[in-house]
Amino acid sequence: MARKPESENEGPVKEMAGGWITERTGTPIPLFLKLTYLGFGLFGFAYLFLNRTGEVGHATRGPLVRQANEVMGAPPTAWIALLGTLIAAFVALLLWFAFRKEGADE
């Protein structure tokens, strides 16, 4: 029967990226780092809908963005909905991956 490490400084070291990154096997990832996936995902989702026609309220770029919008038109709602769905699915997949139970060999 394998003995569990008594502290974080015990246990086998797993090397990744050709030895550039190392970690101890079985080291838990802190909750706040896992929740950053949610934060960045929500930021991307909000940014998509708040700035879907560009950053028109910006002091220096705003007038140029408004002129470009007059020439090009606003993006179709179907594309924005598709991108929003893809972002939501990506964030859900990241959260599932971050909070799943890890196997013994991971």
PDB file of N, CA and C in Angstrom:
ATOM      1  N   MET A   1       0.846  -1.180   0.000  1.00  0.00           N
ATOM      2  CA  MET A   1       0.000   0.000   0.000  1.00  0.00           C
ATOM      3  C   MET A   1       0.887   1.238   0.000  1.00  0.00           C
ATOM      4  N   ALA A   2       0.576   2.202  -0.840  1.00  0.00           N
ATOM      5  CA  ALA A   2       1.397   3.403  -0.965  1.00  0.00           C
ATOM      6  C   ALA A   2       1.156   4.332   0.217  1.00  0.00           C
ATOM      7  N   ARG A   3       2.234   4.924   0.670  1.00  0.00           N
ATOM      8  CA  ARG A   3       2.153   5.863   1.784  1.00  0.00           C
ATOM      9  C   ARG A   3       1.845   7.251   1.229  1.00  0.00           C
ATOM     10  N   LYS A   4       0.897   7.937   1.867  1.00  0.00           N
ATOM     11  CA  LYS A   4       0.558   9.288   1.442  1.00  0.00           C
ATOM     12  C   LYS A   4       1.595  10.261   1.991  1.00  0.00           C
ATOM     13  N   PRO A   5       1.935  11.302   1.215  1.00  0.00           N
ATOM     14  CA  PRO A   5       2.875  12.305   1.726  1.00  0.00           C
ATOM     15  C   PRO A   5       2.287  13.043   2.919  1.00  0.00           C
ATOM     16  N   GLU A   6       3.135  13.319   3.898  1.00  0.00           N
ATOM     17  CA  GLU A   6       2.666  14.010   5.101  1.00  0.00           C
ATOM     18  C   GLU A   6       2.635  15.519   4.913  1.00  0.00           C
ATOM     19  N   SER A   7       3.439  16.035   4.002  1.00  0.00           N
ATOM     20  CA  SER A   7       3.425  17.471   3.738  1.00  0.00           C
ATOM     21  C   SER A   7       3.469  17.695   2.240  1.00  0.00           C
ATOM     22  N   GLU A   8       3.345  18.957   1.835  1.00  0.00           N
ATOM     23  CA  GLU A   8       3.367  19.283   0.413  1.00  0.00           C
ATOM     24  C   GLU A   8       4.740  19.068  -0.199  1.00  0.00           C
ATOM     25  N   ASN A   9       5.784  19.010   0.594  1.00  0.00           N
ATOM     26  CA  ASN A   9       7.139  18.889   0.079  1.00  0.00           C
ATOM     27  C   ASN A   9       7.567  17.443  -0.131  1.00  0.00           C
ATOM     28  N   GLU A  10       6.649  16.498   0.043  1.00  0.00           N
ATOM     29  CA  GLU A  10       6.963  15.096  -0.182  1.00  0.00           C
ATOM     30  C   GLU A  10       6.168  14.602  -1.378  1.00  0.00           C
ATOM     31  N   GLY A  11       6.577  13.491  -1.934  1.00  0.00           N
ATOM     32  CA  GLY A  11       5.878  12.907  -3.065  1.00  0.00           C
ATOM     33  C   GLY A  11       6.687  13.088  -4.328  1.00  0.00           C
ATOM     34  N   PRO A  12       6.346  12.325  -5.347  1.00  0.00           N
ATOM     35  CA  PRO A  12       7.109  12.398  -6.596  1.00  0.00           C
ATOM     36  C   PRO A  12       6.885  13.718  -7.327  1.00  0.00           C
ATOM     37  N   VAL A  13       7.923  14.152  -8.011  1.00  0.00           N
ATOM     38  CA  VAL A  13       7.861  15.391  -8.784  1.00  0.00           C
ATOM     39  C   VAL A  13       7.542  15.032 -10.227  1.00  0.00           C
ATOM     40  N   LYS A  14       6.553  15.724 -10.787  1.00  0.00           N
ATOM     41  CA  LYS A  14       6.158  15.498 -12.182  1.00  0.00           C
ATOM     42  C   LYS A  14       6.709  16.649 -13.008  1.00  0.00           C
ATOM     43  N   GLU A  15       7.469  16.305 -14.057  1.00  0.00           N
ATOM     44  CA  GLU A  15       8.041  17.327 -14.933  1.00  0.00           C
ATOM     45  C   GLU A  15       7.190  17.456 -16.187  1.00  0.00           C
ATOM     46  N   MET A  16       6.976  18.705 -16.597  1.00  0.00           N
ATOM     47  CA  MET A  16       6.236  18.999 -17.819  1.00  0.00           C
ATOM     48  C   MET A  16       7.059  19.963 -18.647  1.00  0.00           C
ATOM     49  N   ALA A  17       6.752  20.053 -19.909  1.00  0.00           N
ATOM     50  CA  ALA A  17       7.413  20.983 -20.830  1.00  0.00           C
ATOM     51  C   ALA A  17       8.919  20.774 -20.834  1.00  0.00           C
ATOM     52  N   GLY A  18       9.332  19.521 -20.865  1.00  0.00           N
ATOM     53  CA  GLY A  18      10.753  19.221 -20.938  1.00  0.00           C
ATOM     54  C   GLY A  18      11.531  19.616 -19.697  1.00  0.00           C
ATOM     55  N   GLY A  19      10.883  19.655 -18.550  1.00  0.00           N
ATOM     56  CA  GLY A  19      11.549  19.997 -17.303  1.00  0.00           C
ATOM     57  C   GLY A  19      11.468  21.466 -16.930  1.00  0.00           C
ATOM     58  N   TRP A  20      10.862  22.296 -17.779  1.00  0.00           N
ATOM     59  CA  TRP A  20      10.733  23.722 -17.475  1.00  0.00           C
ATOM     60  C   TRP A  20       9.705  23.971 -16.380  1.00  0.00           C
ATOM     61  N   ILE A  21       8.729  23.089 -16.267  1.00  0.00           N
ATOM     62  CA  ILE A  21       7.680  23.212 -15.247  1.00  0.00           C
ATOM     63  C   ILE A  21       7.690  21.926 -14.426  1.00  0.00           C
ATOM     64  N   THR A  22       7.731  22.063 -13.111  1.00  0.00           N
ATOM     65  CA  THR A  22       7.664  20.902 -12.238  1.00  0.00           C
ATOM     66  C   THR A  22       6.584  21.127 -11.187  1.00  0.00           C
ATOM     67  N   GLU A  23       5.966  20.043 -10.765  1.00  0.00           N
ATOM     68  CA  GLU A  23       4.987  20.110  -9.687  1.00  0.00           C
ATOM     69  C   GLU A  23       5.006  18.796  -8.932  1.00  0.00           C
ATOM     70  N   ARG A  24       4.599  18.853  -7.697  1.00  0.00           N
ATOM     71  CA  ARG A  24       4.485  17.647  -6.889  1.00  0.00           C
ATOM     72  C   ARG A  24       3.162  16.967  -7.210  1.00  0.00           C
ATOM     73  N   THR A  25       3.197  15.692  -7.404  1.00  0.00           N
ATOM     74  CA  THR A  25       1.985  14.928  -7.686  1.00  0.00           C
ATOM     75  C   THR A  25       1.066  14.982  -6.475  1.00  0.00           C
ATOM     76  N   GLY A  26      -0.199  15.260  -6.725  1.00  0.00           N
ATOM     77  CA  GLY A  26      -1.186  15.291  -5.653  1.00  0.00           C
ATOM     78  C   GLY A  26      -1.336  16.647  -4.971  1.00  0.00           C
ATOM     79  N   THR A  27      -0.595  17.667  -5.415  1.00  0.00           N
ATOM     80  CA  THR A  27      -0.720  18.996  -4.826  1.00  0.00           C
ATOM     81  C   THR A  27      -2.059  19.596  -5.252  1.00  0.00           C
ATOM     82  N   PRO A  28      -2.895  20.007  -4.305  1.00  0.00           N
ATOM     83  CA  PRO A  28      -4.197  20.564  -4.682  1.00  0.00           C
ATOM     84  C   PRO A  28      -4.052  21.985  -5.254  1.00  0.00           C
ATOM     85  N   ILE A  29      -4.964  22.317  -6.154  1.00  0.00           N
ATOM     86  CA  ILE A  29      -4.997  23.665  -6.736  1.00  0.00           C
ATOM     87  C   ILE A  29      -5.924  24.512  -5.867  1.00  0.00           C
ATOM     88  N   PRO A  30      -5.485  25.695  -5.438  1.00  0.00           N
ATOM     89  CA  PRO A  30      -6.333  26.535  -4.579  1.00  0.00           C
ATOM     90  C   PRO A  30      -7.630  26.939  -5.279  1.00  0.00           C
ATOM     91  N   LEU A  31      -8.675  27.099  -4.488  1.00  0.00           N
ATOM     92  CA  LEU A  31      -9.996  27.436  -5.015  1.00  0.00           C
ATOM     93  C   LEU A  31      -9.987  28.761  -5.766  1.00  0.00           C
ATOM     94  N   PHE A  32      -9.261  29.766  -5.266  1.00  0.00           N
ATOM     95  CA  PHE A  32      -9.287  31.069  -5.933  1.00  0.00           C
ATOM     96  C   PHE A  32      -8.686  30.986  -7.338  1.00  0.00           C
ATOM     97  N   LEU A  33      -7.735  30.085  -7.556  1.00  0.00           N
ATOM     98  CA  LEU A  33      -7.190  29.927  -8.903  1.00  0.00           C
ATOM     99  C   LEU A  33      -8.200  29.256  -9.828  1.00  0.00           C
ATOM    100  N   LYS A  34      -8.962  28.316  -9.278  1.00  0.00           N
ATOM    101  CA  LYS A  34      -9.997  27.680 -10.081  1.00  0.00           C
ATOM    102  C   LYS A  34     -11.094  28.669 -10.453  1.00  0.00           C
ATOM    103  N   LEU A  35     -11.418  29.564  -9.537  1.00  0.00           N
ATOM    104  CA  LEU A  35     -12.480  30.539  -9.794  1.00  0.00           C
ATOM    105  C   LEU A  35     -12.059  31.628 -10.771  1.00  0.00           C
ATOM    106  N   THR A  36     -10.756  31.747 -11.022  1.00  0.00           N
ATOM    107  CA  THR A  36     -10.334  32.730 -12.034  1.00  0.00           C
ATOM    108  C   THR A  36     -10.849  32.341 -13.409  1.00  0.00           C
ATOM    109  N   TYR A  37     -11.018  31.041 -13.672  1.00  0.00           N
ATOM    110  CA  TYR A  37     -11.629  30.619 -14.937  1.00  0.00           C
ATOM    111  C   TYR A  37     -13.014  31.238 -15.088  1.00  0.00           C
ATOM    112  N   LEU A  38     -13.785  31.197 -14.015  1.00  0.00           N
ATOM    113  CA  LEU A  38     -15.123  31.772 -14.042  1.00  0.00           C
ATOM    114  C   LEU A  38     -15.052  33.282 -14.252  1.00  0.00           C
ATOM    115  N   GLY A  39     -14.143  33.944 -13.543  1.00  0.00           N
ATOM    116  CA  GLY A  39     -14.017  35.403 -13.672  1.00  0.00           C
ATOM    117  C   GLY A  39     -13.630  35.836 -15.073  1.00  0.00           C
ATOM    118  N   PHE A  40     -12.630  35.172 -15.649  1.00  0.00           N
ATOM    119  CA  PHE A  40     -12.212  35.540 -17.004  1.00  0.00           C
ATOM    120  C   PHE A  40     -13.294  35.198 -18.029  1.00  0.00           C
ATOM    121  N   GLY A  41     -14.001  34.109 -17.805  1.00  0.00           N
ATOM    122  CA  GLY A  41     -15.092  33.751 -18.711  1.00  0.00           C
ATOM    123  C   GLY A  41     -16.224  34.765 -18.669  1.00  0.00           C
ATOM    124  N   LEU A  42     -16.593  35.186 -17.464  1.00  0.00           N
ATOM    125  CA  LEU A  42     -17.631  36.211 -17.335  1.00  0.00           C
ATOM    126  C   LEU A  42     -17.191  37.537 -17.938  1.00  0.00           C
ATOM    127  N   PHE A  43     -15.905  37.861 -17.788  1.00  0.00           N
ATOM    128  CA  PHE A  43     -15.384  39.080 -18.411  1.00  0.00           C
ATOM    129  C   PHE A  43     -15.506  38.991 -19.932  1.00  0.00           C
ATOM    130  N   GLY A  44     -15.116  37.860 -20.513  1.00  0.00           N
ATOM    131  CA  GLY A  44     -15.213  37.702 -21.959  1.00  0.00           C
ATOM    132  C   GLY A  44     -16.648  37.771 -22.446  1.00  0.00           C
ATOM    133  N   PHE A  45     -17.549  37.158 -21.705  1.00  0.00           N
ATOM    134  CA  PHE A  45     -18.971  37.177 -22.056  1.00  0.00           C
ATOM    135  C   PHE A  45     -19.519  38.604 -21.993  1.00  0.00           C
ATOM    136  N   ALA A  46     -19.212  39.329 -20.909  1.00  0.00           N
ATOM    137  CA  ALA A  46     -19.685  40.708 -20.774  1.00  0.00           C
ATOM    138  C   ALA A  46     -19.057  41.614 -21.833  1.00  0.00           C
ATOM    139  N   TYR A  47     -17.772  41.425 -22.094  1.00  0.00           N
ATOM    140  CA  TYR A  47     -17.098  42.252 -23.096  1.00  0.00           C
ATOM    141  C   TYR A  47     -17.709  42.051 -24.480  1.00  0.00           C
ATOM    142  N   LEU A  48     -18.096  40.818 -24.796  1.00  0.00           N
ATOM    143  CA  LEU A  48     -18.720  40.540 -26.085  1.00  0.00           C
ATOM    144  C   LEU A  48     -19.994  41.352 -26.258  1.00  0.00           C
ATOM    145  N   PHE A  49     -20.828  41.393 -25.229  1.00  0.00           N
ATOM    146  CA  PHE A  49     -22.110  42.078 -25.364  1.00  0.00           C
ATOM    147  C   PHE A  49     -22.013  43.590 -25.139  1.00  0.00           C
ATOM    148  N   LEU A  50     -21.096  44.036 -24.295  1.00  0.00           N
ATOM    149  CA  LEU A  50     -20.984  45.470 -24.051  1.00  0.00           C
ATOM    150  C   LEU A  50     -20.277  46.196 -25.194  1.00  0.00           C
ATOM    151  N   ASN A  51     -19.371  45.532 -25.864  1.00  0.00           N
ATOM    152  CA  ASN A  51     -18.604  46.170 -26.933  1.00  0.00           C
ATOM    153  C   ASN A  51     -18.783  45.469 -28.265  1.00  0.00           C
ATOM    154  N   ARG A  52     -19.987  44.994 -28.538  1.00  0.00           N
ATOM    155  CA  ARG A  52     -20.182  44.255 -29.787  1.00  0.00           C
ATOM    156  C   ARG A  52     -20.110  45.139 -31.018  1.00  0.00           C
ATOM    157  N   THR A  53     -20.296  46.425 -30.873  1.00  0.00           N
ATOM    158  CA  THR A  53     -20.133  47.346 -32.013  1.00  0.00           C
ATOM    159  C   THR A  53     -18.870  48.176 -31.866  1.00  0.00           C
ATOM    160  N   GLY A  54     -17.963  47.749 -31.020  1.00  0.00           N
ATOM    161  CA  GLY A  54     -16.725  48.492 -30.817  1.00  0.00           C
ATOM    162  C   GLY A  54     -16.817  49.370 -29.592  1.00  0.00           C
ATOM    163  N   GLU A  55     -15.714  49.991 -29.294  1.00  0.00           N
ATOM    164  CA  GLU A  55     -15.636  50.842 -28.106  1.00  0.00           C
ATOM    165  C   GLU A  55     -15.987  52.276 -28.500  1.00  0.00           C
ATOM    166  N   VAL A  56     -17.277  52.522 -28.715  1.00  0.00           N
ATOM    167  CA  VAL A  56     -17.736  53.815 -29.218  1.00  0.00           C
ATOM    168  C   VAL A  56     -17.671  54.917 -28.157  1.00  0.00           C
ATOM    169  N   GLY A  57     -17.600  54.567 -26.895  1.00  0.00           N
ATOM    170  CA  GLY A  57     -17.567  55.570 -25.839  1.00  0.00           C
ATOM    171  C   GLY A  57     -16.164  56.040 -25.481  1.00  0.00           C
ATOM    172  N   HIS A  58     -15.138  55.498 -26.118  1.00  0.00           N
ATOM    173  CA  HIS A  58     -13.762  55.879 -25.805  1.00  0.00           C
ATOM    174  C   HIS A  58     -13.490  57.304 -26.274  1.00  0.00           C
ATOM    175  N   ALA A  59     -12.703  58.052 -25.507  1.00  0.00           N
ATOM    176  CA  ALA A  59     -12.472  59.470 -25.801  1.00  0.00           C
ATOM    177  C   ALA A  59     -11.753  59.693 -27.132  1.00  0.00           C
ATOM    178  N   THR A  60     -10.740  58.913 -27.423  1.00  0.00           N
ATOM    179  CA  THR A  60      -9.978  59.163 -28.650  1.00  0.00           C
ATOM    180  C   THR A  60     -10.376  58.251 -29.806  1.00  0.00           C
ATOM    181  N   ARG A  61     -10.699  56.995 -29.522  1.00  0.00           N
ATOM    182  CA  ARG A  61     -11.052  56.051 -30.598  1.00  0.00           C
ATOM    183  C   ARG A  61     -12.534  56.050 -30.922  1.00  0.00           C
ATOM    184  N   GLY A  62     -13.358  56.556 -30.043  1.00  0.00           N
ATOM    185  CA  GLY A  62     -14.806  56.488 -30.215  1.00  0.00           C
ATOM    186  C   GLY A  62     -15.325  57.041 -31.531  1.00  0.00           C
ATOM    187  N   PRO A  63     -14.927  58.265 -31.919  1.00  0.00           N
ATOM    188  CA  PRO A  63     -15.433  58.797 -33.197  1.00  0.00           C
ATOM    189  C   PRO A  63     -15.030  57.952 -34.405  1.00  0.00           C
ATOM    190  N   LEU A  64     -13.812  57.450 -34.410  1.00  0.00           N
ATOM    191  CA  LEU A  64     -13.364  56.608 -35.516  1.00  0.00           C
ATOM    192  C   LEU A  64     -14.136  55.294 -35.555  1.00  0.00           C
ATOM    193  N   VAL A  65     -14.408  54.724 -34.398  1.00  0.00           N
ATOM    194  CA  VAL A  65     -15.180  53.478 -34.338  1.00  0.00           C
ATOM    195  C   VAL A  65     -16.606  53.729 -34.815  1.00  0.00           C
ATOM    196  N   ARG A  66     -17.202  54.857 -34.445  1.00  0.00           N
ATOM    197  CA  ARG A  66     -18.557  55.178 -34.917  1.00  0.00           C
ATOM    198  C   ARG A  66     -18.580  55.330 -36.438  1.00  0.00           C
ATOM    199  N   GLN A  67     -17.559  55.963 -37.009  1.00  0.00           N
ATOM    200  CA  GLN A  67     -17.493  56.093 -38.471  1.00  0.00           C
ATOM    201  C   GLN A  67     -17.349  54.723 -39.133  1.00  0.00           C
ATOM    202  N   ALA A  68     -16.533  53.875 -38.563  1.00  0.00           N
ATOM    203  CA  ALA A  68     -16.366  52.531 -39.121  1.00  0.00           C
ATOM    204  C   ALA A  68     -17.672  51.741 -39.028  1.00  0.00           C
ATOM    205  N   ASN A  69     -18.422  51.930 -37.948  1.00  0.00           N
ATOM    206  CA  ASN A  69     -19.700  51.238 -37.801  1.00  0.00           C
ATOM    207  C   ASN A  69     -20.715  51.704 -38.842  1.00  0.00           C
ATOM    208  N   GLU A  70     -20.665  52.990 -39.211  1.00  0.00           N
ATOM    209  CA  GLU A  70     -21.577  53.492 -40.246  1.00  0.00           C
ATOM    210  C   GLU A  70     -21.285  52.830 -41.589  1.00  0.00           C
ATOM    211  N   VAL A  71     -20.024  52.597 -41.878  1.00  0.00           N
ATOM    212  CA  VAL A  71     -19.637  51.990 -43.153  1.00  0.00           C
ATOM    213  C   VAL A  71     -19.910  50.492 -43.144  1.00  0.00           C
ATOM    214  N   MET A  72     -19.525  49.800 -42.060  1.00  0.00           N
ATOM    215  CA  MET A  72     -19.615  48.340 -42.017  1.00  0.00           C
ATOM    216  C   MET A  72     -20.935  47.823 -41.470  1.00  0.00           C
ATOM    217  N   GLY A  73     -21.581  48.564 -40.625  1.00  0.00           N
ATOM    218  CA  GLY A  73     -22.811  48.092 -39.996  1.00  0.00           C
ATOM    219  C   GLY A  73     -22.501  47.249 -38.764  1.00  0.00           C
ATOM    220  N   ALA A  74     -23.520  47.021 -37.969  1.00  0.00           N
ATOM    221  CA  ALA A  74     -23.362  46.233 -36.743  1.00  0.00           C
ATOM    222  C   ALA A  74     -23.293  44.745 -37.093  1.00  0.00           C
ATOM    223  N   PRO A  75     -22.595  43.968 -36.283  1.00  0.00           N
ATOM    224  CA  PRO A  75     -22.550  42.522 -36.540  1.00  0.00           C
ATOM    225  C   PRO A  75     -23.937  41.903 -36.333  1.00  0.00           C
ATOM    226  N   PRO A  76     -24.281  40.912 -37.135  1.00  0.00           N
ATOM    227  CA  PRO A  76     -25.603  40.288 -36.988  1.00  0.00           C
ATOM    228  C   PRO A  76     -25.777  39.645 -35.612  1.00  0.00           C
ATOM    229  N   THR A  77     -26.995  39.679 -35.120  1.00  0.00           N
ATOM    230  CA  THR A  77     -27.308  39.127 -33.804  1.00  0.00           C
ATOM    231  C   THR A  77     -27.028  37.623 -33.745  1.00  0.00           C
ATOM    232  N   ALA A  78     -27.211  36.933 -34.857  1.00  0.00           N
ATOM    233  CA  ALA A  78     -26.957  35.493 -34.876  1.00  0.00           C
ATOM    234  C   ALA A  78     -25.487  35.195 -34.586  1.00  0.00           C
ATOM    235  N   TRP A  79     -24.581  35.986 -35.121  1.00  0.00           N
ATOM    236  CA  TRP A  79     -23.157  35.771 -34.869  1.00  0.00           C
ATOM    237  C   TRP A  79     -22.812  36.066 -33.418  1.00  0.00           C
ATOM    238  N   ILE A  80     -23.388  37.113 -32.866  1.00  0.00           N
ATOM    239  CA  ILE A  80     -23.141  37.436 -31.453  1.00  0.00           C
ATOM    240  C   ILE A  80     -23.680  36.322 -30.559  1.00  0.00           C
ATOM    241  N   ALA A  81     -24.860  35.808 -30.885  1.00  0.00           N
ATOM    242  CA  ALA A  81     -25.436  34.702 -30.106  1.00  0.00           C
ATOM    243  C   ALA A  81     -24.569  33.448 -30.217  1.00  0.00           C
ATOM    244  N   LEU A  82     -24.062  33.162 -31.419  1.00  0.00           N
ATOM    245  CA  LEU A  82     -23.195  32.001 -31.600  1.00  0.00           C
ATOM    246  C   LEU A  82     -21.910  32.149 -30.782  1.00  0.00           C
ATOM    247  N   LEU A  83     -21.286  33.319 -30.854  1.00  0.00           N
ATOM    248  CA  LEU A  83     -20.068  33.553 -30.071  1.00  0.00           C
ATOM    249  C   LEU A  83     -20.345  33.485 -28.577  1.00  0.00           C
ATOM    250  N   GLY A  84     -21.469  34.033 -28.134  1.00  0.00           N
ATOM    251  CA  GLY A  84     -21.840  33.947 -26.717  1.00  0.00           C
ATOM    252  C   GLY A  84     -22.036  32.507 -26.272  1.00  0.00           C
ATOM    253  N   THR A  85     -22.660  31.697 -27.126  1.00  0.00           N
ATOM    254  CA  THR A  85     -22.860  30.281 -26.807  1.00  0.00           C
ATOM    255  C   THR A  85     -21.532  29.545 -26.730  1.00  0.00           C
ATOM    256  N   LEU A  86     -20.631  29.846 -27.665  1.00  0.00           N
ATOM    257  CA  LEU A  86     -19.313  29.202 -27.651  1.00  0.00           C
ATOM    258  C   LEU A  86     -18.508  29.592 -26.408  1.00  0.00           C
ATOM    259  N   ILE A  87     -18.564  30.864 -26.026  1.00  0.00           N
ATOM    260  CA  ILE A  87     -17.858  31.303 -24.819  1.00  0.00           C
ATOM    261  C   ILE A  87     -18.447  30.617 -23.591  1.00  0.00           C
ATOM    262  N   ALA A  88     -19.783  30.561 -23.501  1.00  0.00           N
ATOM    263  CA  ALA A  88     -20.421  29.911 -22.354  1.00  0.00           C
ATOM    264  C   ALA A  88     -20.056  28.426 -22.287  1.00  0.00           C
ATOM    265  N   ALA A  89     -20.028  27.742 -23.437  1.00  0.00           N
ATOM    266  CA  ALA A  89     -19.654  26.326 -23.454  1.00  0.00           C
ATOM    267  C   ALA A  89     -18.191  26.144 -23.055  1.00  0.00           C
ATOM    268  N   PHE A  90     -17.330  27.028 -23.522  1.00  0.00           N
ATOM    269  CA  PHE A  90     -15.912  26.942 -23.171  1.00  0.00           C
ATOM    270  C   PHE A  90     -15.709  27.140 -21.674  1.00  0.00           C
ATOM    271  N   VAL A  91     -16.390  28.120 -21.099  1.00  0.00           N
ATOM    272  CA  VAL A  91     -16.269  28.372 -19.656  1.00  0.00           C
ATOM    273  C   VAL A  91     -16.825  27.192 -18.868  1.00  0.00           C
ATOM    274  N   ALA A  92     -17.945  26.619 -19.310  1.00  0.00           N
ATOM    275  CA  ALA A  92     -18.508  25.452 -18.618  1.00  0.00           C
ATOM    276  C   ALA A  92     -17.535  24.274 -18.669  1.00  0.00           C
ATOM    277  N   LEU A  93     -16.894  24.068 -19.808  1.00  0.00           N
ATOM    278  CA  LEU A  93     -15.915  22.992 -19.933  1.00  0.00           C
ATOM    279  C   LEU A  93     -14.701  23.239 -19.038  1.00  0.00           C
ATOM    280  N   LEU A  94     -14.244  24.481 -18.972  1.00  0.00           N
ATOM    281  CA  LEU A  94     -13.128  24.808 -18.082  1.00  0.00           C
ATOM    282  C   LEU A  94     -13.479  24.568 -16.626  1.00  0.00           C
ATOM    283  N   LEU A  95     -14.674  24.981 -16.230  1.00  0.00           N
ATOM    284  CA  LEU A  95     -15.094  24.781 -14.839  1.00  0.00           C
ATOM    285  C   LEU A  95     -15.243  23.301 -14.527  1.00  0.00           C
ATOM    286  N   TRP A  96     -15.783  22.528 -15.460  1.00  0.00           N
ATOM    287  CA  TRP A  96     -15.888  21.085 -15.236  1.00  0.00           C
ATOM    288  C   TRP A  96     -14.507  20.488 -15.061  1.00  0.00           C
ATOM    289  N   PHE A  97     -13.572  20.884 -15.913  1.00  0.00           N
ATOM    290  CA  PHE A  97     -12.213  20.355 -15.835  1.00  0.00           C
ATOM    291  C   PHE A  97     -11.525  20.774 -14.533  1.00  0.00           C
ATOM    292  N   ALA A  98     -11.759  22.017 -14.089  1.00  0.00           N
ATOM    293  CA  ALA A  98     -11.099  22.523 -12.881  1.00  0.00           C
ATOM    294  C   ALA A  98     -11.640  21.867 -11.610  1.00  0.00           C
ATOM    295  N   PHE A  99     -12.927  21.544 -11.560  1.00  0.00           N
ATOM    296  CA  PHE A  99     -13.530  21.040 -10.333  1.00  0.00           C
ATOM    297  C   PHE A  99     -13.785  19.536 -10.336  1.00  0.00           C
ATOM    298  N   ARG A 100     -13.344  18.838 -11.367  1.00  0.00           N
ATOM    299  CA  ARG A 100     -13.543  17.391 -11.389  1.00  0.00           C
ATOM    300  C   ARG A 100     -12.590  16.726 -10.409  1.00  0.00           C
ATOM    301  N   LYS A 101     -12.929  15.535 -10.017  1.00  0.00           N
ATOM    302  CA  LYS A 101     -12.061  14.749  -9.146  1.00  0.00           C
ATOM    303  C   LYS A 101     -10.910  14.207  -9.981  1.00  0.00           C
ATOM    304  N   GLU A 102      -9.690  14.408  -9.504  1.00  0.00           N
ATOM    305  CA  GLU A 102      -8.527  13.948 -10.250  1.00  0.00           C
ATOM    306  C   GLU A 102      -8.270  12.483  -9.959  1.00  0.00           C
ATOM    307  N   GLY A 103      -7.820  11.759 -10.987  1.00  0.00           N
ATOM    308  CA  GLY A 103      -7.500  10.347 -10.833  1.00  0.00           C
ATOM    309  C   GLY A 103      -6.141  10.199 -10.161  1.00  0.00           C
ATOM    310  N   ALA A 104      -5.773   8.977  -9.849  1.00  0.00           N
ATOM    311  CA  ALA A 104      -4.515   8.711  -9.170  1.00  0.00           C
ATOM    312  C   ALA A 104      -3.302   8.954 -10.052  1.00  0.00           C
ATOM    313  N   ASP A 105      -3.473   8.840 -11.385  1.00  0.00           N
ATOM    314  CA  ASP A 105      -2.338   8.987 -12.271  1.00  0.00           C
ATOM    315  C   ASP A 105      -2.155  10.395 -12.812  1.00  0.00           C
ATOM    316  N   GLU A 106      -3.000  11.333 -12.430  1.00  0.00           N
ATOM    317  CA  GLU A 106      -2.890  12.697 -12.947  1.00  0.00           C
ATOM    318  C   GLU A 106      -2.017  13.557 -12.079  1.00  0.00           C
TER     319      GLU A 106
END
